[in-house]
Amino acid sequence: RRDEIEIFTKVYWPTGAGRNNRGLNRKHILRSADNSLRRLG
């Protein structure tokens, strides 16, 4: 039950070869959040 667990994840380290696939720039944060949601289901 999703409302009975807490899931923590993080963003910063490289997730691809591109110059913006790392760090805490807006592009990386928003894209990474969507990818984490997809992977975590």
PDB file of all heavy atoms in Angstrom:
ATOM      1  N   ARG A   1       0.857  -1.185   0.000  1.00  0.00           N
ATOM      2  CA  ARG A   1       0.000   0.000   0.000  1.00  0.00           C
ATOM      3  C   ARG A   1       0.897   1.240   0.000  1.00  0.00           C
ATOM      4  O   ARG A   1       1.682   1.431   0.930  1.00  0.00           O
ATOM      5  CB  ARG A   1      -0.917   0.007   1.221  1.00  0.00           C
ATOM      6  CG  ARG A   1      -2.060  -1.003   1.149  1.00  0.00           C
ATOM      7  CD  ARG A   1      -2.889  -0.958   2.423  1.00  0.00           C
ATOM      8  NE  ARG A   1      -3.425   0.391   2.654  1.00  0.00           N
ATOM      9  CZ  ARG A   1      -4.615   0.802   2.232  1.00  0.00           C
ATOM     10  NH1 ARG A   1      -5.383  -0.026   1.540  1.00  0.00           N
ATOM     11  NH2 ARG A   1      -5.038   2.013   2.496  1.00  0.00           N
ATOM     12  N   ARG A   2       0.772   2.061  -1.030  1.00  0.00           N
ATOM     13  CA  ARG A   2       1.693   3.192  -1.193  1.00  0.00           C
ATOM     14  C   ARG A   2       1.615   4.189  -0.040  1.00  0.00           C
ATOM     15  O   ARG A   2       2.627   4.811   0.328  1.00  0.00           O
ATOM     16  CB  ARG A   2       1.400   3.896  -2.532  1.00  0.00           C
ATOM     17  CG  ARG A   2       2.332   5.057  -2.836  1.00  0.00           C
ATOM     18  CD  ARG A   2       3.764   4.566  -3.020  1.00  0.00           C
ATOM     19  NE  ARG A   2       4.682   5.671  -3.259  1.00  0.00           N
ATOM     20  CZ  ARG A   2       5.294   6.365  -2.296  1.00  0.00           C
ATOM     21  NH1 ARG A   2       5.072   6.062  -1.010  1.00  0.00           N
ATOM     22  NH2 ARG A   2       6.125   7.354  -2.593  1.00  0.00           N
ATOM     23  N   ASP A   3       0.425   4.346   0.553  1.00  0.00           N
ATOM     24  CA  ASP A   3       0.295   5.331   1.622  1.00  0.00           C
ATOM     25  C   ASP A   3       0.850   4.827   2.953  1.00  0.00           C
ATOM     26  O   ASP A   3       0.881   5.580   3.935  1.00  0.00           O
ATOM     27  CB  ASP A   3      -1.166   5.760   1.794  1.00  0.00           C
ATOM     28  CG  ASP A   3      -2.105   4.596   2.077  1.00  0.00           C
ATOM     29  OD1 ASP A   3      -1.665   3.437   1.948  1.00  0.00           O
ATOM     30  OD2 ASP A   3      -3.280   4.851   2.420  1.00  0.00           O
ATOM     31  N   GLU A   4       1.339   3.581   2.980  1.00  0.00           N
ATOM     32  CA  GLU A   4       1.895   3.038   4.213  1.00  0.00           C
ATOM     33  C   GLU A   4       3.415   2.920   4.188  1.00  0.00           C
ATOM     34  O   GLU A   4       4.024   2.421   5.133  1.00  0.00           O
ATOM     35  CB  GLU A   4       1.278   1.664   4.495  1.00  0.00           C
ATOM     36  CG  GLU A   4      -0.221   1.744   4.797  1.00  0.00           C
ATOM     37  CD  GLU A   4      -0.849   0.403   5.117  1.00  0.00           C
ATOM     38  OE1 GLU A   4      -0.119  -0.619   5.019  1.00  0.00           O
ATOM     39  OE2 GLU A   4      -2.046   0.374   5.453  1.00  0.00           O
ATOM     40  N   ILE A   5       4.041   3.376   3.104  1.00  0.00           N
ATOM     41  CA  ILE A   5       5.504   3.369   3.015  1.00  0.00           C
ATOM     42  C   ILE A   5       5.992   4.744   2.580  1.00  0.00           C
ATOM     43  O   ILE A   5       5.246   5.533   2.009  1.00  0.00           O
ATOM     44  CB  ILE A   5       6.017   2.299   2.028  1.00  0.00           C
ATOM     45  CG1 ILE A   5       5.409   2.514   0.639  1.00  0.00           C
ATOM     46  CG2 ILE A   5       5.741   0.889   2.548  1.00  0.00           C
ATOM     47  CD1 ILE A   5       5.950   1.563  -0.421  1.00  0.00           C
ATOM     48  N   GLU A   6       7.267   5.020   2.866  1.00  0.00           N
ATOM     49  CA  GLU A   6       7.894   6.277   2.469  1.00  0.00           C
ATOM     50  C   GLU A   6       9.092   5.946   1.577  1.00  0.00           C
ATOM     51  O   GLU A   6       9.972   5.180   1.988  1.00  0.00           O
ATOM     52  CB  GLU A   6       8.366   7.091   3.680  1.00  0.00           C
ATOM     53  CG  GLU A   6       7.288   7.378   4.712  1.00  0.00           C
ATOM     54  CD  GLU A   6       7.066   6.228   5.675  1.00  0.00           C
ATOM     55  OE1 GLU A   6       8.065   5.692   6.195  1.00  0.00           O
ATOM     56  OE2 GLU A   6       5.882   5.862   5.902  1.00  0.00           O
ATOM     57  N   ILE A   7       9.116   6.526   0.391  1.00  0.00           N
ATOM     58  CA  ILE A   7      10.200   6.278  -0.557  1.00  0.00           C
ATOM     59  C   ILE A   7      11.021   7.548  -0.724  1.00  0.00           C
ATOM     60  O   ILE A   7      10.493   8.601  -1.076  1.00  0.00           O
ATOM     61  CB  ILE A   7       9.653   5.816  -1.925  1.00  0.00           C
ATOM     62  CG1 ILE A   7       8.887   4.495  -1.769  1.00  0.00           C
ATOM     63  CG2 ILE A   7      10.792   5.664  -2.926  1.00  0.00           C
ATOM     64  CD1 ILE A   7       8.244   4.003  -3.057  1.00  0.00           C
ATOM     65  N   PHE A   8      12.319   7.432  -0.449  1.00  0.00           N
ATOM     66  CA  PHE A   8      13.253   8.540  -0.602  1.00  0.00           C
ATOM     67  C   PHE A   8      14.168   8.253  -1.786  1.00  0.00           C
ATOM     68  O   PHE A   8      14.634   7.119  -1.963  1.00  0.00           O
ATOM     69  CB  PHE A   8      14.156   8.694   0.632  1.00  0.00           C
ATOM     70  CG  PHE A   8      13.450   9.000   1.928  1.00  0.00           C
ATOM     71  CD1 PHE A   8      14.176   9.044   3.111  1.00  0.00           C
ATOM     72  CD2 PHE A   8      12.086   9.239   1.982  1.00  0.00           C
ATOM     73  CE1 PHE A   8      13.565   9.329   4.318  1.00  0.00           C
ATOM     74  CE2 PHE A   8      11.457   9.534   3.189  1.00  0.00           C
ATOM     75  CZ  PHE A   8      12.204   9.581   4.366  1.00  0.00           C
ATOM     76  N   THR A   9      14.455   9.261  -2.596  1.00  0.00           N
ATOM     77  CA  THR A   9      15.483   9.109  -3.618  1.00  0.00           C
ATOM     78  C   THR A   9      16.233  10.430  -3.771  1.00  0.00           C
ATOM     79  O   THR A   9      15.925  11.410  -3.075  1.00  0.00           O
ATOM     80  CB  THR A   9      14.903   8.596  -4.953  1.00  0.00           C
ATOM     81  OG1 THR A   9      15.986   8.195  -5.802  1.00  0.00           O
ATOM     82  CG2 THR A   9      14.059   9.640  -5.655  1.00  0.00           C
ATOM     83  N   LYS A  10      17.217  10.463  -4.671  1.00  0.00           N
ATOM     84  CA  LYS A  10      18.122  11.607  -4.737  1.00  0.00           C
ATOM     85  C   LYS A  10      18.484  11.933  -6.184  1.00  0.00           C
ATOM     86  O   LYS A  10      18.361  11.084  -7.074  1.00  0.00           O
ATOM     87  CB  LYS A  10      19.417  11.319  -3.958  1.00  0.00           C
ATOM     88  CG  LYS A  10      19.223  10.699  -2.591  1.00  0.00           C
ATOM     89  CD  LYS A  10      20.546  10.446  -1.911  1.00  0.00           C
ATOM     90  CE  LYS A  10      20.404   9.479  -0.757  1.00  0.00           C
ATOM     91  NZ  LYS A  10      20.143   8.098  -1.177  1.00  0.00           N
ATOM     92  N   VAL A  11      19.003  13.151  -6.364  1.00  0.00           N
ATOM     93  CA  VAL A  11      19.442  13.620  -7.673  1.00  0.00           C
ATOM     94  C   VAL A  11      20.733  14.412  -7.502  1.00  0.00           C
ATOM     95  O   VAL A  11      20.895  15.141  -6.526  1.00  0.00           O
ATOM     96  CB  VAL A  11      18.353  14.495  -8.339  1.00  0.00           C
ATOM     97  CG1 VAL A  11      17.976  15.691  -7.459  1.00  0.00           C
ATOM     98  CG2 VAL A  11      18.799  14.983  -9.711  1.00  0.00           C
ATOM     99  N   TYR A  12      21.670  14.258  -8.414  1.00  0.00           N
ATOM    100  CA  TYR A  12      22.894  15.058  -8.500  1.00  0.00           C
ATOM    101  C   TYR A  12      23.923  14.382  -9.394  1.00  0.00           C
ATOM    102  O   TYR A  12      24.404  14.963 -10.356  1.00  0.00           O
ATOM    103  CB  TYR A  12      23.528  15.317  -7.123  1.00  0.00           C
ATOM    104  CG  TYR A  12      24.914  15.928  -7.213  1.00  0.00           C
ATOM    105  CD1 TYR A  12      25.071  17.303  -7.413  1.00  0.00           C
ATOM    106  CD2 TYR A  12      26.066  15.138  -7.132  1.00  0.00           C
ATOM    107  CE1 TYR A  12      26.345  17.868  -7.512  1.00  0.00           C
ATOM    108  CE2 TYR A  12      27.322  15.688  -7.229  1.00  0.00           C
ATOM    109  CZ  TYR A  12      27.475  17.049  -7.422  1.00  0.00           C
ATOM    110  OH  TYR A  12      28.721  17.589  -7.530  1.00  0.00           O
ATOM    111  N   TRP A  13      24.271  13.128  -9.086  1.00  0.00           N
ATOM    112  CA  TRP A  13      25.354  12.455  -9.793  1.00  0.00           C
ATOM    113  C   TRP A  13      24.943  12.184 -11.251  1.00  0.00           C
ATOM    114  O   TRP A  13      23.750  12.119 -11.555  1.00  0.00           O
ATOM    115  CB  TRP A  13      25.731  11.146  -9.090  1.00  0.00           C
ATOM    116  CG  TRP A  13      26.303  11.365  -7.728  1.00  0.00           C
ATOM    117  CD1 TRP A  13      25.702  11.137  -6.530  1.00  0.00           C
ATOM    118  CD2 TRP A  13      27.601  11.898  -7.420  1.00  0.00           C
ATOM    119  NE1 TRP A  13      26.532  11.484  -5.503  1.00  0.00           N
ATOM    120  CE2 TRP A  13      27.704  11.953  -6.009  1.00  0.00           C
ATOM    121  CE3 TRP A  13      28.686  12.335  -8.189  1.00  0.00           C
ATOM    122  CZ2 TRP A  13      28.848  12.423  -5.356  1.00  0.00           C
ATOM    123  CZ3 TRP A  13      29.819  12.800  -7.544  1.00  0.00           C
ATOM    124  CH2 TRP A  13      29.904  12.843  -6.149  1.00  0.00           C
ATOM    125  N   PRO A  14      25.917  11.998 -12.143  1.00  0.00           N
ATOM    126  CA  PRO A  14      25.605  11.806 -13.571  1.00  0.00           C
ATOM    127  C   PRO A  14      24.663  10.633 -13.822  1.00  0.00           C
ATOM    128  O   PRO A  14      24.811   9.562 -13.240  1.00  0.00           O
ATOM    129  CB  PRO A  14      26.983  11.555 -14.194  1.00  0.00           C
ATOM    130  CG  PRO A  14      27.948  12.234 -13.284  1.00  0.00           C
ATOM    131  CD  PRO A  14      27.387  12.046 -11.902  1.00  0.00           C
ATOM    132  N   THR A  15      23.701  10.865 -14.712  1.00  0.00           N
ATOM    133  CA  THR A  15      22.798   9.803 -15.139  1.00  0.00           C
ATOM    134  C   THR A  15      22.853   9.630 -16.654  1.00  0.00           C
ATOM    135  O   THR A  15      22.001   8.954 -17.244  1.00  0.00           O
ATOM    136  CB  THR A  15      21.347  10.114 -14.723  1.00  0.00           C
ATOM    137  OG1 THR A  15      20.986  11.419 -15.203  1.00  0.00           O
ATOM    138  CG2 THR A  15      21.197  10.067 -13.212  1.00  0.00           C
ATOM    139  N   GLY A  16      23.848  10.237 -17.287  1.00  0.00           N
ATOM    140  CA  GLY A  16      24.038  10.143 -18.728  1.00  0.00           C
ATOM    141  C   GLY A  16      25.300  10.875 -19.119  1.00  0.00           C
ATOM    142  O   GLY A  16      25.975  11.480 -18.274  1.00  0.00           O
ATOM    143  N   ALA A  17      25.633  10.828 -20.396  1.00  0.00           N
ATOM    144  CA  ALA A  17      26.885  11.422 -20.866  1.00  0.00           C
ATOM    145  C   ALA A  17      26.781  12.919 -21.125  1.00  0.00           C
ATOM    146  O   ALA A  17      27.786  13.615 -21.229  1.00  0.00           O
ATOM    147  CB  ALA A  17      27.325  10.717 -22.151  1.00  0.00           C
ATOM    148  N   GLY A  18      25.582  13.438 -21.241  1.00  0.00           N
ATOM    149  CA  GLY A  18      25.392  14.835 -21.584  1.00  0.00           C
ATOM    150  C   GLY A  18      25.850  15.788 -20.500  1.00  0.00           C
ATOM    151  O   GLY A  18      25.889  15.444 -19.308  1.00  0.00           O
ATOM    152  N   ARG A  19      26.165  17.023 -20.900  1.00  0.00           N
ATOM    153  CA  ARG A  19      26.660  18.022 -19.958  1.00  0.00           C
ATOM    154  C   ARG A  19      25.612  18.400 -18.919  1.00  0.00           C
ATOM    155  O   ARG A  19      25.963  18.838 -17.823  1.00  0.00           O
ATOM    156  CB  ARG A  19      27.118  19.269 -20.719  1.00  0.00           C
ATOM    157  CG  ARG A  19      28.395  19.075 -21.531  1.00  0.00           C
ATOM    158  CD  ARG A  19      28.843  20.388 -22.159  1.00  0.00           C
ATOM    159  NE  ARG A  19      27.876  20.846 -23.171  1.00  0.00           N
ATOM    160  CZ  ARG A  19      27.899  20.453 -24.438  1.00  0.00           C
ATOM    161  NH1 ARG A  19      28.825  19.599 -24.846  1.00  0.00           N
ATOM    162  NH2 ARG A  19      27.001  20.911 -25.295  1.00  0.00           N
ATOM    163  N   ASN A  20      24.343  18.266 -19.251  1.00  0.00           N
ATOM    164  CA  ASN A  20      23.268  18.625 -18.326  1.00  0.00           C
ATOM    165  C   ASN A  20      22.634  17.420 -17.643  1.00  0.00           C
ATOM    166  O   ASN A  20      21.627  17.572 -16.941  1.00  0.00           O
ATOM    167  CB  ASN A  20      22.192  19.425 -19.066  1.00  0.00           C
ATOM    168  CG  ASN A  20      22.696  20.783 -19.500  1.00  0.00           C
ATOM    169  OD1 ASN A  20      23.281  21.519 -18.702  1.00  0.00           O
ATOM    170  ND2 ASN A  20      22.502  21.126 -20.762  1.00  0.00           N
ATOM    171  N   ASN A  21      23.223  16.246 -17.806  1.00  0.00           N
ATOM    172  CA  ASN A  21      22.736  15.036 -17.142  1.00  0.00           C
ATOM    173  C   ASN A  21      23.412  14.835 -15.786  1.00  0.00           C
ATOM    174  O   ASN A  21      23.729  13.716 -15.388  1.00  0.00           O
ATOM    175  CB  ASN A  21      22.972  13.789 -18.008  1.00  0.00           C
ATOM    176  CG  ASN A  21      22.159  13.792 -19.272  1.00  0.00           C
ATOM    177  OD1 ASN A  21      22.712  13.633 -20.354  1.00  0.00           O
ATOM    178  ND2 ASN A  21      20.857  13.979 -19.159  1.00  0.00           N
ATOM    179  N   ARG A  22      23.606  15.914 -15.078  1.00  0.00           N
ATOM    180  CA  ARG A  22      24.335  15.865 -13.802  1.00  0.00           C
ATOM    181  C   ARG A  22      24.107  17.172 -13.058  1.00  0.00           C
ATOM    182  O   ARG A  22      23.643  18.157 -13.629  1.00  0.00           O
ATOM    183  CB  ARG A  22      25.816  15.639 -14.060  1.00  0.00           C
ATOM    184  CG  ARG A  22      26.464  16.761 -14.886  1.00  0.00           C
ATOM    185  CD  ARG A  22      27.738  16.306 -15.576  1.00  0.00           C
ATOM    186  NE  ARG A  22      27.426  15.294 -16.571  1.00  0.00           N
ATOM    187  CZ  ARG A  22      28.165  14.189 -16.764  1.00  0.00           C
ATOM    188  NH1 ARG A  22      29.242  13.992 -16.038  1.00  0.00           N
ATOM    189  NH2 ARG A  22      27.814  13.318 -17.689  1.00  0.00           N
ATOM    190  N   GLY A  23      24.440  17.180 -11.779  1.00  0.00           N
ATOM    191  CA  GLY A  23      24.328  18.396 -10.997  1.00  0.00           C
ATOM    192  C   GLY A  23      22.895  18.710 -10.605  1.00  0.00           C
ATOM    193  O   GLY A  23      21.992  17.868 -10.665  1.00  0.00           O
ATOM    194  N   LEU A  24      22.682  19.959 -10.197  1.00  0.00           N
ATOM    195  CA  LEU A  24      21.378  20.383  -9.706  1.00  0.00           C
ATOM    196  C   LEU A  24      20.782  21.497 -10.554  1.00  0.00           C
ATOM    197  O   LEU A  24      20.082  22.380 -10.057  1.00  0.00           O
ATOM    198  CB  LEU A  24      21.491  20.834  -8.238  1.00  0.00           C
ATOM    199  CG  LEU A  24      21.951  19.755  -7.252  1.00  0.00           C
ATOM    200  CD1 LEU A  24      22.097  20.340  -5.855  1.00  0.00           C
ATOM    201  CD2 LEU A  24      20.997  18.557  -7.237  1.00  0.00           C
ATOM    202  N   ASN A  25      21.087  21.477 -11.859  1.00  0.00           N
ATOM    203  CA  ASN A  25      20.444  22.420 -12.755  1.00  0.00           C
ATOM    204  C   ASN A  25      18.984  22.011 -12.963  1.00  0.00           C
ATOM    205  O   ASN A  25      18.607  20.857 -12.769  1.00  0.00           O
ATOM    206  CB  ASN A  25      21.195  22.500 -14.092  1.00  0.00           C
ATOM    207  CG  ASN A  25      21.185  21.179 -14.840  1.00  0.00           C
ATOM    208  OD1 ASN A  25      20.239  20.840 -15.545  1.00  0.00           O
ATOM    209  ND2 ASN A  25      22.254  20.391 -14.681  1.00  0.00           N
ATOM    210  N   ARG A  26      18.163  22.949 -13.357  1.00  0.00           N
ATOM    211  CA  ARG A  26      16.730  22.704 -13.495  1.00  0.00           C
ATOM    212  C   ARG A  26      16.426  21.568 -14.465  1.00  0.00           C
ATOM    213  O   ARG A  26      15.587  20.700 -14.182  1.00  0.00           O
ATOM    214  CB  ARG A  26      16.037  23.993 -13.956  1.00  0.00           C
ATOM    215  CG  ARG A  26      14.527  23.869 -14.097  1.00  0.00           C
ATOM    216  CD  ARG A  26      13.902  25.192 -14.526  1.00  0.00           C
ATOM    217  NE  ARG A  26      12.459  25.066 -14.602  1.00  0.00           N
ATOM    218  CZ  ARG A  26      11.637  25.186 -13.564  1.00  0.00           C
ATOM    219  NH1 ARG A  26      12.137  25.425 -12.365  1.00  0.00           N
ATOM    220  NH2 ARG A  26      10.337  25.059 -13.708  1.00  0.00           N
ATOM    221  N   LYS A  27      17.115  21.539 -15.594  1.00  0.00           N
ATOM    222  CA  LYS A  27      16.872  20.505 -16.601  1.00  0.00           C
ATOM    223  C   LYS A  27      17.095  19.119 -16.013  1.00  0.00           C
ATOM    224  O   LYS A  27      16.280  18.201 -16.187  1.00  0.00           O
ATOM    225  CB  LYS A  27      17.781  20.735 -17.809  1.00  0.00           C
ATOM    226  CG  LYS A  27      17.610  19.724 -18.959  1.00  0.00           C
ATOM    227  CD  LYS A  27      18.555  20.065 -20.102  1.00  0.00           C
ATOM    228  CE  LYS A  27      18.450  19.063 -21.236  1.00  0.00           C
ATOM    229  NZ  LYS A  27      17.167  19.188 -21.971  1.00  0.00           N
ATOM    230  N   HIS A  28      18.216  18.945 -15.314  1.00  0.00           N
ATOM    231  CA  HIS A  28      18.546  17.632 -14.760  1.00  0.00           C
ATOM    232  C   HIS A  28      17.571  17.237 -13.651  1.00  0.00           C
ATOM    233  O   HIS A  28      17.118  16.083 -13.578  1.00  0.00           O
ATOM    234  CB  HIS A  28      19.974  17.643 -14.225  1.00  0.00           C
ATOM    235  CG  HIS A  28      20.452  16.305 -13.737  1.00  0.00           C
ATOM    236  ND1 HIS A  28      20.338  15.155 -14.474  1.00  0.00           N
ATOM    237  CD2 HIS A  28      21.040  15.935 -12.568  1.00  0.00           C
ATOM    238  CE1 HIS A  28      20.841  14.137 -13.807  1.00  0.00           C
ATOM    239  NE2 HIS A  28      21.267  14.583 -12.635  1.00  0.00           N
ATOM    240  N   ILE A  29      17.236  18.178 -12.780  1.00  0.00           N
ATOM    241  CA  ILE A  29      16.330  17.857 -11.671  1.00  0.00           C
ATOM    242  C   ILE A  29      14.960  17.404 -12.179  1.00  0.00           C
ATOM    243  O   ILE A  29      14.447  16.356 -11.769  1.00  0.00           O
ATOM    244  CB  ILE A  29      16.178  19.067 -10.732  1.00  0.00           C
ATOM    245  CG1 ILE A  29      17.470  19.287  -9.931  1.00  0.00           C
ATOM    246  CG2 ILE A  29      15.003  18.862  -9.768  1.00  0.00           C
ATOM    247  CD1 ILE A  29      17.464  20.546  -9.088  1.00  0.00           C
ATOM    248  N   LEU A  30      14.368  18.180 -13.071  1.00  0.00           N
ATOM    249  CA  LEU A  30      13.011  17.851 -13.526  1.00  0.00           C
ATOM    250  C   LEU A  30      12.989  16.552 -14.325  1.00  0.00           C
ATOM    251  O   LEU A  30      12.079  15.724 -14.173  1.00  0.00           O
ATOM    252  CB  LEU A  30      12.443  19.006 -14.346  1.00  0.00           C
ATOM    253  CG  LEU A  30      12.287  20.333 -13.599  1.00  0.00           C
ATOM    254  CD1 LEU A  30      11.624  21.376 -14.491  1.00  0.00           C
ATOM    255  CD2 LEU A  30      11.487  20.156 -12.310  1.00  0.00           C
ATOM    256  N   ARG A  31      13.996  16.367 -15.188  1.00  0.00           N
ATOM    257  CA  ARG A  31      14.066  15.146 -15.976  1.00  0.00           C
ATOM    258  C   ARG A  31      14.338  13.935 -15.084  1.00  0.00           C
ATOM    259  O   ARG A  31      13.724  12.875 -15.242  1.00  0.00           O
ATOM    260  CB  ARG A  31      15.163  15.279 -17.046  1.00  0.00           C
ATOM    261  CG  ARG A  31      15.307  14.077 -17.963  1.00  0.00           C
ATOM    262  CD  ARG A  31      14.054  13.836 -18.758  1.00  0.00           C
ATOM    263  NE  ARG A  31      14.246  12.771 -19.742  1.00  0.00           N
ATOM    264  CZ  ARG A  31      13.254  12.091 -20.276  1.00  0.00           C
ATOM    265  NH1 ARG A  31      11.999  12.358 -19.944  1.00  0.00           N
ATOM    266  NH2 ARG A  31      13.491  11.146 -21.169  1.00  0.00           N
ATOM    267  N   SER A  32      15.241  14.101 -14.126  1.00  0.00           N
ATOM    268  CA  SER A  32      15.604  12.995 -13.232  1.00  0.00           C
ATOM    269  C   SER A  32      14.431  12.584 -12.354  1.00  0.00           C
ATOM    270  O   SER A  32      14.231  11.397 -12.074  1.00  0.00           O
ATOM    271  CB  SER A  32      16.807  13.373 -12.369  1.00  0.00           C
ATOM    272  OG  SER A  32      17.974  13.493 -13.155  1.00  0.00           O
ATOM    273  N   ALA A  33      13.653  13.565 -11.897  1.00  0.00           N
ATOM    274  CA  ALA A  33      12.499  13.236 -11.065  1.00  0.00           C
ATOM    275  C   ALA A  33      11.509  12.367 -11.840  1.00  0.00           C
ATOM    276  O   ALA A  33      11.001  11.365 -11.319  1.00  0.00           O
ATOM    277  CB  ALA A  33      11.821  14.512 -10.583  1.00  0.00           C
ATOM    278  N   ASP A  34      11.229  12.735 -13.079  1.00  0.00           N
ATOM    279  CA  ASP A  34      10.321  11.930 -13.895  1.00  0.00           C
ATOM    280  C   ASP A  34      10.864  10.521 -14.111  1.00  0.00           C
ATOM    281  O   ASP A  34      10.118   9.537 -14.061  1.00  0.00           O
ATOM    282  CB  ASP A  34      10.078  12.609 -15.243  1.00  0.00           C
ATOM    283  CG  ASP A  34       9.122  13.797 -15.137  1.00  0.00           C
ATOM    284  OD1 ASP A  34       8.390  13.882 -14.131  1.00  0.00           O
ATOM    285  OD2 ASP A  34       9.131  14.646 -16.052  1.00  0.00           O
ATOM    286  N   ASN A  35      12.163  10.418 -14.359  1.00  0.00           N
ATOM    287  CA  ASN A  35      12.775   9.096 -14.564  1.00  0.00           C
ATOM    288  C   ASN A  35      12.723   8.258 -13.289  1.00  0.00           C
ATOM    289  O   ASN A  35      12.489   7.045 -13.334  1.00  0.00           O
ATOM    290  CB  ASN A  35      14.204   9.247 -15.053  1.00  0.00           C
ATOM    291  CG  ASN A  35      14.277   9.702 -16.498  1.00  0.00           C
ATOM    292  OD1 ASN A  35      13.351   9.485 -17.273  1.00  0.00           O
ATOM    293  ND2 ASN A  35      15.374  10.342 -16.880  1.00  0.00           N
ATOM    294  N   SER A  36      12.952   8.895 -12.132  1.00  0.00           N
ATOM    295  CA  SER A  36      12.890   8.162 -10.870  1.00  0.00           C
ATOM    296  C   SER A  36      11.474   7.666 -10.599  1.00  0.00           C
ATOM    297  O   SER A  36      11.269   6.530 -10.153  1.00  0.00           O
ATOM    298  CB  SER A  36      13.369   9.048  -9.711  1.00  0.00           C
ATOM    299  OG  SER A  36      14.767   9.235  -9.760  1.00  0.00           O
ATOM    300  N   LEU A  37      10.492   8.502 -10.870  1.00  0.00           N
ATOM    301  CA  LEU A  37       9.102   8.082 -10.691  1.00  0.00           C
ATOM    302  C   LEU A  37       8.784   6.867 -11.564  1.00  0.00           C
ATOM    303  O   LEU A  37       8.120   5.919 -11.115  1.00  0.00           O
ATOM    304  CB  LEU A  37       8.162   9.237 -11.043  1.00  0.00           C
ATOM    305  CG  LEU A  37       8.136  10.409 -10.057  1.00  0.00           C
ATOM    306  CD1 LEU A  37       7.391  11.592 -10.657  1.00  0.00           C
ATOM    307  CD2 LEU A  37       7.484   9.991  -8.737  1.00  0.00           C
ATOM    308  N   ARG A  38       9.255   6.890 -12.793  1.00  0.00           N
ATOM    309  CA  ARG A  38       9.009   5.771 -13.712  1.00  0.00           C
ATOM    310  C   ARG A  38       9.694   4.507 -13.208  1.00  0.00           C
ATOM    311  O   ARG A  38       9.074   3.424 -13.180  1.00  0.00           O
ATOM    312  CB  ARG A  38       9.518   6.129 -15.111  1.00  0.00           C
ATOM    313  CG  ARG A  38       9.467   4.976 -16.106  1.00  0.00           C
ATOM    314  CD  ARG A  38       9.973   5.405 -17.474  1.00  0.00           C
ATOM    315  NE  ARG A  38      11.277   6.042 -17.412  1.00  0.00           N
ATOM    316  CZ  ARG A  38      12.442   5.372 -17.297  1.00  0.00           C
ATOM    317  NH1 ARG A  38      12.440   4.036 -17.218  1.00  0.00           N
ATOM    318  NH2 ARG A  38      13.580   6.016 -17.279  1.00  0.00           N
ATOM    319  N   ARG A  39      10.962   4.617 -12.822  1.00  0.00           N
ATOM    320  CA  ARG A  39      11.698   3.428 -12.364  1.00  0.00           C
ATOM    321  C   ARG A  39      11.111   2.873 -11.069  1.00  0.00           C
ATOM    322  O   ARG A  39      11.070   1.648 -10.866  1.00  0.00           O
ATOM    323  CB  ARG A  39      13.179   3.767 -12.187  1.00  0.00           C
ATOM    324  CG  ARG A  39      13.934   3.928 -13.498  1.00  0.00           C
ATOM    325  CD  ARG A  39      15.427   4.008 -13.263  1.00  0.00           C
ATOM    326  NE  ARG A  39      15.814   5.242 -12.587  1.00  0.00           N
ATOM    327  CZ  ARG A  39      16.299   6.318 -13.183  1.00  0.00           C
ATOM    328  NH1 ARG A  39      16.456   6.334 -14.503  1.00  0.00           N
ATOM    329  NH2 ARG A  39      16.634   7.386 -12.491  1.00  0.00           N
ATOM    330  N   LEU A  40      10.675   3.743 -10.187  1.00  0.00           N
ATOM    331  CA  LEU A  40      10.126   3.309  -8.909  1.00  0.00           C
ATOM    332  C   LEU A  40       8.681   2.828  -9.035  1.00  0.00           C
ATOM    333  O   LEU A  40       8.148   2.208  -8.107  1.00  0.00           O
ATOM    334  CB  LEU A  40      10.212   4.444  -7.889  1.00  0.00           C
ATOM    335  CG  LEU A  40      11.620   4.772  -7.379  1.00  0.00           C
ATOM    336  CD1 LEU A  40      11.640   6.138  -6.702  1.00  0.00           C
ATOM    337  CD2 LEU A  40      12.123   3.689  -6.420  1.00  0.00           C
ATOM    338  N   GLY A  41       8.051   3.147 -10.147  1.00  0.00           N
ATOM    339  CA  GLY A  41       6.676   2.712 -10.354  1.00  0.00           C
ATOM    340  C   GLY A  41       5.698   3.397  -9.424  1.00  0.00           C
ATOM    341  O   GLY A  41       4.741   2.776  -8.938  1.00  0.00           O
TER     342      GLY A  41
END
